[in-house]
Amino acid sequence: MPFSQQTVLVTGGASGFGEGITREFHARGASVLIIDINRELGEALAQDLPGARFVFCDISDASSVARLFTQIETLDILINNAGVTHDPQPAEDISEDEFDRVFKVNSKSVYLMCKAAIPLMKSAGKGVILNIASTAGVSPRPNLSWYSASKGWMITATKSLAIELAPANIRVNALNPVAGETPLLKSFMGGDTPENRSRFLNTIPLGRFSTPTDIAKAACFLCSDEASMITGVALEVDGGRCI
């Protein structure tokens, strides 16, 4: 099993893409840490996956992240998956609170998690960091400007970290999923209606939304030894959306 005896931490690991990633790594032998603010979902998923462990953490809060890492001695793979969006609106109509929330969860959390995880990986002489960004960071849509900006930040951070951490044998990559069947889909579309679904699907050449399994399999590849020469990429898992 390719990830046996490896510890994998997944933020937002209890639902959506995160749940898919958690399940796939567990199936491939990893010891998975499910990090989420939803205790009910996190505890239920951990019970469903023998050997997996749920830890509550607000990844946008430095003290909460510090408490989390007091429970972690070694870490092979960090997956920064947790994310939020704002409802589709003109940029000037997004409140400051909404803006702050998007950047705290989508950007600041990556900083906090990397700040805590990188020393562990340097001590071990190896590691992998995977950031779940978005096609919105490459090919933005109107009315999602601040969400798109947060994902563009994540892609740039990925490339910068890849250069900086390569001498420490730490690889850093990103995935850019297209909109998928997750709890965020309704917000992306401005409401889950047949009309909105049709409008979105018309922008995806393969004609379907992404699934947690799609993202999980791509994540496993980039985090595996099969991708040992790959760092600094932002792989689009988008059915052709960004062509």
Protein backbone atom coordinates (compact mmCIF):
# COMPACT_ATOMS: atom_id res chain seq x y z
CA MET A 1 0.00 0.00 0.00
CA PRO A 2 1.73 3.19 -1.20
CA PHE A 3 1.07 5.27 1.93
CA SER A 4 1.51 2.66 4.65
CA GLN A 5 3.34 4.02 7.70
CA GLN A 6 2.84 7.58 6.47
CA THR A 7 0.94 10.25 8.40
CA VAL A 8 -1.32 12.43 6.25
CA LEU A 9 -3.09 15.52 7.62
CA VAL A 10 -6.15 16.77 5.72
CA THR A 11 -7.70 20.10 6.64
CA GLY A 12 -11.43 20.31 6.03
CA GLY A 13 -11.14 16.55 5.90
CA ALA A 14 -14.66 15.67 7.03
CA SER A 15 -16.74 16.70 4.00
CA GLY A 16 -16.64 17.49 0.30
CA PHE A 17 -13.29 17.10 -1.45
CA GLY A 18 -11.67 16.66 1.95
CA GLU A 19 -13.74 13.61 2.79
CA GLY A 20 -12.89 12.08 -0.57
CA ILE A 21 -9.19 12.73 0.01
CA THR A 22 -9.38 11.31 3.53
CA ARG A 23 -11.08 8.13 2.36
CA GLU A 24 -8.69 7.58 -0.57
CA PHE A 25 -5.52 8.00 1.49
CA HIS A 26 -6.95 5.75 4.21
CA ALA A 27 -7.76 3.10 1.61
CA ARG A 28 -4.13 3.27 0.45
CA GLY A 29 -2.75 2.61 3.91
CA ALA A 30 -2.13 6.06 5.35
CA SER A 31 -2.62 7.06 8.95
CA VAL A 32 -4.96 10.00 8.39
CA LEU A 33 -5.53 12.99 10.66
CA ILE A 34 -8.94 14.50 9.89
CA ILE A 35 -8.85 18.19 10.76
CA ASP A 36 -12.17 20.04 10.76
CA ILE A 37 -14.36 22.45 12.72
CA ASN A 38 -17.38 20.18 12.31
CA ARG A 39 -17.07 17.77 15.23
CA GLU A 40 -20.08 15.68 14.28
CA LEU A 41 -18.90 14.96 10.75
CA GLY A 42 -15.27 14.54 11.78
CA GLU A 43 -15.97 12.08 14.57
CA ALA A 44 -18.38 10.09 12.41
CA LEU A 45 -15.83 9.80 9.58
CA ALA A 46 -13.07 8.76 11.97
CA GLN A 47 -15.31 6.00 13.37
CA ASP A 48 -15.98 4.82 9.82
CA LEU A 49 -12.27 4.60 8.99
CA PRO A 50 -10.37 2.39 11.46
CA GLY A 51 -7.09 3.99 12.43
CA ALA A 52 -8.05 7.48 11.28
CA ARG A 53 -8.16 10.21 13.91
CA PHE A 54 -10.26 13.35 14.11
CA VAL A 55 -8.90 16.50 15.73
CA PHE A 56 -10.96 19.66 16.05
CA CYS A 57 -9.08 22.74 14.88
CA ASP A 58 -9.89 26.23 13.64
CA ILE A 59 -7.10 26.38 11.07
CA SER A 60 -7.49 30.15 10.66
CA ASP A 61 -6.55 30.70 14.33
CA ALA A 62 -2.90 30.57 15.37
CA SER A 63 -3.56 29.32 18.91
CA SER A 64 -5.83 26.53 17.64
CA VAL A 65 -3.18 25.41 15.13
CA ALA A 66 -0.52 25.52 17.86
CA ARG A 67 -2.65 23.23 20.06
CA LEU A 68 -3.13 20.86 17.14
CA PHE A 69 0.59 20.48 16.55
CA THR A 70 1.28 19.66 20.18
CA GLN A 71 -0.42 16.35 19.27
CA ILE A 72 1.70 15.70 16.17
CA GLU A 73 5.24 14.32 16.35
CA THR A 74 5.77 13.41 12.72
CA LEU A 75 4.05 14.44 9.50
CA ASP A 76 4.73 13.09 6.03
CA ILE A 77 2.01 14.82 3.99
CA LEU A 78 0.09 18.04 4.62
CA ILE A 79 -3.00 18.65 2.51
CA ASN A 80 -4.40 22.18 2.81
CA ASN A 81 -7.90 21.47 1.57
CA ALA A 82 -10.24 23.54 3.75
CA GLY A 83 -11.86 26.43 1.92
CA VAL A 84 -14.82 28.76 1.86
CA THR A 85 -16.32 31.15 -0.65
CA HIS A 86 -18.62 34.13 -0.71
CA ASP A 87 -21.90 34.26 -2.59
CA PRO A 88 -21.59 35.47 -6.18
CA GLN A 89 -21.84 39.26 -5.98
CA PRO A 90 -20.14 42.31 -7.45
CA ALA A 91 -16.77 42.89 -5.80
CA GLU A 92 -17.88 46.14 -4.17
CA ASP A 93 -20.88 44.45 -2.53
CA ILE A 94 -18.84 41.89 -0.57
CA SER A 95 -18.68 42.93 3.08
CA GLU A 96 -15.38 43.30 4.90
CA ASP A 97 -16.38 40.43 7.20
CA GLU A 98 -16.95 38.15 4.21
CA PHE A 99 -13.63 39.19 2.67
CA ASP A 100 -11.78 38.54 5.92
CA ARG A 101 -13.42 35.13 6.33
CA VAL A 102 -12.43 34.02 2.82
CA PHE A 103 -8.81 35.06 3.25
CA LYS A 104 -8.52 33.69 6.79
CA VAL A 105 -9.67 30.22 5.73
CA ASN A 106 -8.25 30.07 2.19
CA SER A 107 -4.95 31.89 2.71
CA LYS A 108 -4.00 32.53 6.33
CA SER A 109 -4.68 28.91 7.24
CA VAL A 110 -2.13 27.76 4.64
CA TYR A 111 0.44 30.06 6.23
CA LEU A 112 -0.33 28.79 9.73
CA MET A 113 -0.33 25.11 8.77
CA CYS A 114 2.88 25.38 6.76
CA LYS A 115 4.57 27.37 9.52
CA ALA A 116 3.86 24.51 11.93
CA ALA A 117 4.43 21.59 9.54
CA ILE A 118 7.60 22.61 7.72
CA PRO A 119 9.91 22.26 10.75
CA LEU A 120 8.66 18.69 11.28
CA MET A 121 9.33 17.85 7.64
CA LYS A 122 12.76 19.46 7.69
CA SER A 123 13.65 17.41 10.75
CA ALA A 124 12.56 14.26 8.93
CA GLY A 125 14.47 15.22 5.79
CA LYS A 126 11.43 14.91 3.55
CA GLY A 127 7.79 15.84 3.13
CA VAL A 128 4.98 16.73 0.77
CA ILE A 129 2.59 19.68 0.87
CA LEU A 130 -0.48 19.76 -1.37
CA ASN A 131 -2.72 22.81 -1.61
CA ILE A 132 -6.25 22.48 -2.97
CA ALA A 133 -6.66 25.66 -5.00
CA SER A 134 -9.21 26.12 -7.80
CA THR A 135 -9.69 26.81 -11.49
CA ALA A 136 -10.94 30.18 -10.20
CA GLY A 137 -7.32 31.04 -9.45
CA VAL A 138 -6.43 30.51 -13.12
CA SER A 139 -9.58 31.45 -15.04
CA PRO A 140 -11.76 33.61 -12.76
CA ARG A 141 -15.50 34.15 -13.13
CA PRO A 142 -17.31 37.45 -12.59
CA ASN A 143 -18.78 38.02 -9.13
CA LEU A 144 -16.38 35.68 -7.36
CA SER A 145 -13.45 38.09 -7.40
CA TRP A 146 -12.25 37.81 -3.82
CA TYR A 147 -12.61 34.04 -3.73
CA SER A 148 -10.67 33.83 -6.99
CA ALA A 149 -7.99 36.12 -5.59
CA SER A 150 -7.57 33.87 -2.54
CA LYS A 151 -7.04 30.85 -4.79
CA GLY A 152 -4.61 32.77 -6.99
CA TRP A 153 -2.70 33.54 -3.79
CA MET A 154 -2.60 29.83 -3.01
CA ILE A 155 -1.20 28.95 -6.43
CA THR A 156 1.56 31.57 -6.14
CA ALA A 157 2.37 30.44 -2.59
CA THR A 158 2.64 26.87 -3.87
CA LYS A 159 5.21 27.81 -6.50
CA SER A 160 7.21 29.99 -4.12
CA LEU A 161 7.30 27.31 -1.44
CA ALA A 162 8.30 24.68 -3.99
CA ILE A 163 11.44 26.66 -4.86
CA GLU A 164 12.26 27.47 -1.25
CA LEU A 165 11.73 23.97 0.15
CA ALA A 166 13.23 21.87 -2.64
CA PRO A 167 16.70 21.84 -0.99
CA ALA A 168 15.02 20.37 2.11
CA ASN A 169 13.52 17.53 0.00
CA ILE A 170 10.00 18.87 0.52
CA ARG A 171 7.75 18.92 -2.54
CA VAL A 172 4.90 21.42 -2.82
CA ASN A 173 2.12 21.18 -5.40
CA ALA A 174 -1.47 22.29 -5.90
CA LEU A 175 -4.65 20.99 -7.47
CA ASN A 176 -7.09 23.23 -9.32
CA PRO A 177 -10.49 21.51 -9.22
CA VAL A 178 -13.41 22.72 -11.26
CA ALA A 179 -16.68 23.17 -9.35
CA GLY A 180 -17.70 19.85 -7.85
CA GLU A 181 -20.47 18.03 -6.06
CA THR A 182 -19.58 19.44 -2.64
CA PRO A 183 -21.35 21.64 -0.06
CA LEU A 184 -19.81 24.73 -1.74
CA LEU A 185 -21.43 24.11 -5.12
CA LYS A 186 -24.64 25.91 -4.21
CA SER A 187 -22.70 29.02 -3.23
CA PHE A 188 -20.59 28.98 -6.39
CA MET A 189 -23.70 28.81 -8.57
CA GLY A 190 -25.69 31.38 -6.62
CA GLY A 191 -28.31 28.72 -5.94
CA ASP A 192 -28.65 25.08 -6.96
CA THR A 193 -31.18 25.19 -9.78
CA PRO A 194 -31.36 23.22 -13.04
CA GLU A 195 -30.68 26.44 -14.94
CA ASN A 196 -27.55 27.26 -12.93
CA ARG A 197 -26.29 23.70 -13.23
CA SER A 198 -26.76 23.78 -16.99
CA ARG A 199 -24.95 27.11 -17.25
CA PHE A 200 -21.98 25.80 -15.29
CA LEU A 201 -21.83 22.47 -17.11
CA ASN A 202 -21.73 24.26 -20.45
CA THR A 203 -18.31 25.65 -19.48
CA ILE A 204 -16.84 22.18 -18.79
CA PRO A 205 -15.92 20.31 -22.01
CA LEU A 206 -16.24 16.87 -20.40
CA GLY A 207 -19.77 17.83 -19.38
CA ARG A 208 -19.81 17.03 -15.68
CA PHE A 209 -18.83 18.46 -12.32
CA SER A 210 -15.78 17.11 -10.53
CA THR A 211 -16.26 14.62 -7.72
CA PRO A 212 -14.38 14.11 -4.45
CA THR A 213 -12.99 10.89 -5.93
CA ASP A 214 -11.57 12.76 -8.94
CA ILE A 215 -9.71 15.13 -6.66
CA ALA A 216 -8.64 12.40 -4.23
CA LYS A 217 -7.02 10.26 -6.92
CA ALA A 218 -5.11 13.24 -8.30
CA ALA A 219 -4.03 14.13 -4.77
CA CYS A 220 -2.73 10.62 -4.14
CA PHE A 221 -0.68 10.76 -7.33
CA LEU A 222 0.97 14.10 -6.55
CA CYS A 223 1.75 12.99 -2.99
CA SER A 224 3.14 9.61 -4.01
CA ASP A 225 6.66 8.54 -4.95
CA GLU A 226 5.41 8.25 -8.53
CA ALA A 227 5.48 12.07 -8.60
CA SER A 228 8.88 12.35 -6.92
CA MET A 229 10.18 14.69 -9.64
CA ILE A 230 7.11 16.95 -9.61
CA THR A 231 7.09 20.11 -7.54
CA GLY A 232 5.62 23.58 -8.03
CA VAL A 233 2.79 22.50 -10.34
CA ALA A 234 -0.85 23.52 -10.10
CA LEU A 235 -2.59 20.59 -11.77
CA GLU A 236 -5.99 21.33 -13.29
CA VAL A 237 -8.60 18.65 -12.56
CA ASP A 238 -11.30 20.40 -14.48
CA GLY A 239 -12.64 18.42 -17.41
CA GLY A 240 -11.05 20.94 -19.79
CA ARG A 241 -12.55 24.02 -18.14
CA CYS A 242 -9.33 26.09 -18.34
CA ILE A 243 -8.46 25.32 -21.97
